[in-house]
Protein backbone atom coordinates (compact mmCIF):
# COMPACT_ATOMS: atom_id res chain seq x y z
CA MET A 1 89.75 117.47 107.60
CA PRO A 2 89.77 114.79 105.02
CA ASP A 3 89.75 116.61 101.35
CA ARG A 4 87.29 114.47 98.04
CA VAL A 5 89.85 113.47 94.94
CA PRO A 6 88.06 112.18 92.25
CA SER A 7 89.37 109.23 90.10
CA ASP A 8 90.13 111.73 87.06
CA HIS A 9 92.16 114.47 88.85
CA ASP A 10 96.13 115.04 88.22
CA THR A 11 97.15 113.31 91.65
CA VAL A 12 95.74 110.68 92.02
CA GLU A 13 98.15 107.67 89.83
CA THR A 14 96.14 105.58 88.51
CA HIS A 15 97.08 101.76 87.11
CA ARG A 16 95.30 98.78 85.42
CA VAL A 17 95.97 95.83 87.15
CA PRO A 18 94.55 91.98 86.34
CA VAL A 19 91.59 90.29 88.56
CA GLU A 20 92.76 86.68 88.38
CA SER A 21 90.78 83.83 90.03
CA ILE A 22 92.90 81.69 92.64
CA GLY A 23 93.75 78.38 91.67
CA ARG A 24 90.54 77.18 90.18
CA THR A 25 88.75 78.72 92.50
CA ASP A 26 85.63 81.45 91.85
CA ARG A 27 87.79 83.59 94.71
CA PRO A 28 89.13 86.83 92.94
CA ARG A 29 92.84 88.21 93.82
CA VAL A 30 94.36 91.58 91.89
CA VAL A 31 97.83 91.78 91.37
CA LEU A 32 99.98 94.94 92.59
CA PRO A 33 101.88 96.26 90.42
CA ALA A 34 105.36 95.71 91.91
CA ASP A 35 106.92 99.66 91.64
CA LEU A 36 103.86 100.75 94.62
CA GLY A 37 106.35 99.37 97.18
CA LEU A 38 104.02 97.69 98.92
CA GLU A 39 104.37 94.19 100.45
CA GLU A 40 103.79 90.83 102.21
CA GLY A 41 101.64 92.01 105.12
CA ASP A 42 101.25 95.23 104.70
CA ALA A 43 97.81 96.80 105.20
CA VAL A 44 95.46 99.72 103.48
CA ARG A 45 92.27 101.34 103.68
CA LEU A 46 91.57 100.71 100.06
CA ALA A 47 87.66 101.21 98.88
CA LEU A 48 86.08 100.02 95.67
CA ASP A 49 84.02 101.78 94.18
CA GLY A 50 84.04 104.90 96.35
CA ASP A 51 82.93 102.19 99.75
CA GLY A 52 85.62 102.03 101.91
CA TYR A 53 86.88 98.84 103.42
CA HIS A 54 90.34 97.49 104.44
CA ALA A 55 92.61 94.90 102.91
CA ALA A 56 96.33 92.90 103.71
CA VAL A 57 98.91 92.42 101.11
CA GLY A 58 99.70 89.33 100.13
CA GLU A 59 101.81 87.76 97.76
CA ASN A 60 101.44 85.13 94.79
CA PHE A 61 103.75 81.24 93.87
CA ASP A 62 106.04 84.08 92.04
CA GLY A 63 106.40 86.23 94.67
CA GLU A 64 104.45 89.45 93.35
CA PRO A 65 102.26 91.51 95.74
CA VAL A 66 98.45 90.78 95.62
CA LEU A 67 94.98 91.73 97.33
CA SER A 68 92.74 88.70 97.66
CA HIS A 69 90.31 89.84 100.62
CA VAL A 70 88.97 93.30 100.79
CA ALA A 71 87.12 93.75 104.55
CA ASP A 72 85.28 95.86 106.66
CA ASN A 73 87.80 96.50 109.40
CA ARG A 74 91.83 96.43 109.83
CA ARG A 75 91.85 93.78 112.36
CA LEU A 76 89.73 91.19 109.76
CA ALA A 77 91.34 92.23 106.73
CA ARG A 78 94.68 91.12 108.58
CA GLU A 79 93.08 87.84 109.99
CA SER A 80 91.04 87.21 106.36
CA GLU A 81 88.28 87.05 108.21
CA GLY A 82 84.62 88.09 107.67
CA PRO A 83 82.69 88.62 104.51
CA ASN A 84 85.46 89.04 101.71
CA ARG A 85 84.21 92.88 99.96
CA LEU A 86 86.61 92.02 97.13
CA ALA A 87 84.87 88.78 95.68
CA GLU A 88 81.13 90.56 96.33
CA TRP A 89 82.81 93.73 94.57
CA VAL A 90 83.82 91.48 91.30
CA GLU A 91 80.13 90.12 91.93
CA SER A 92 78.20 92.53 91.66
CA SER A 93 80.05 95.03 88.97
CA GLU A 94 81.37 94.45 85.65
CA VAL A 95 84.03 93.54 86.22
CA SER A 96 85.40 89.91 85.57
CA LEU A 97 87.56 87.39 86.71
CA GLY A 98 90.20 87.06 84.07
CA GLY A 99 89.55 91.20 83.75
CA SER A 100 90.85 94.11 84.88
CA ALA A 101 90.20 97.04 86.96
CA HIS A 102 91.97 100.33 87.86
CA LEU A 103 94.23 100.52 90.64
CA ASP A 104 94.00 104.41 91.60
CA VAL A 105 97.03 105.12 94.11
CA ILE A 106 95.25 108.36 96.72
CA THR A 107 98.00 108.36 99.52
CA ALA A 108 100.97 105.86 98.62
CA GLY A 109 101.32 103.71 100.82
CA GLU A 110 98.12 103.99 102.81
CA GLU A 111 95.46 104.49 100.81
CA TYR A 112 94.03 102.60 97.37
CA GLY A 113 90.81 102.74 95.03
CA LEU A 114 89.66 99.66 92.97
CA ARG A 115 87.30 100.87 90.05
CA THR A 116 85.74 99.81 87.55
CA PRO A 117 87.09 101.29 84.32
CA GLY A 118 85.30 104.38 82.95
CA LYS A 119 83.65 104.95 86.23
CA ARG A 120 84.80 107.87 88.16
CA VAL A 121 85.06 107.21 91.76
CA VAL A 122 85.61 110.48 94.53
CA TYR A 123 87.14 108.97 96.86
CA THR A 124 87.58 110.61 99.94
CA ALA A 125 91.42 111.25 100.56
CA THR A 126 92.86 110.77 104.57
CA ASP A 127 96.04 112.17 106.47
CA GLY A 128 98.41 109.03 107.02
CA PRO A 129 98.76 107.94 110.60
CA ASP A 130 101.27 109.96 112.77
CA SER A 131 105.20 107.84 112.13
CA SER A 132 105.13 107.10 116.01
CA LEU A 133 101.38 105.87 115.90
CA SER A 134 102.56 103.23 112.80
CA ASP A 135 106.09 102.96 114.31
CA ILE A 136 103.87 101.42 117.62
CA ALA A 137 101.84 99.17 116.11
CA ARG A 138 104.26 97.77 114.22
CA ASN A 139 105.91 96.70 116.46
CA LEU A 140 102.91 95.35 117.95
CA ASP A 141 102.57 93.32 114.71
CA ASN A 142 105.99 91.72 115.52
């Protein structure tokens, strides 16, 4: 059964992350802390102010891990298809390009949350996938 975890709980690690534009466009991207251990191609569950989505980790020109497309499901996230929920979130929230957001680590390597600074969010934390199922999915991707 999933647990409900507030963003200010002791088990949630929070990082301040920059929200920048991609080149000269108004498309947002979030630069992730390198110490999270996420690499290009990793797919994660990502909540935006509490609403659940999926994202695939990319890489910027400096080799830093970034999120630039957030989608409704894992397949759309990996293929960067469908509506970009990250762009919608930046447009409708108090987060702005050139500003920052809070990145909450809910389940390391699996589940994260982006939220407006100062906003308290309650996440639904789920157990990570069975390692054998993860291995099968990784093998199919390669």
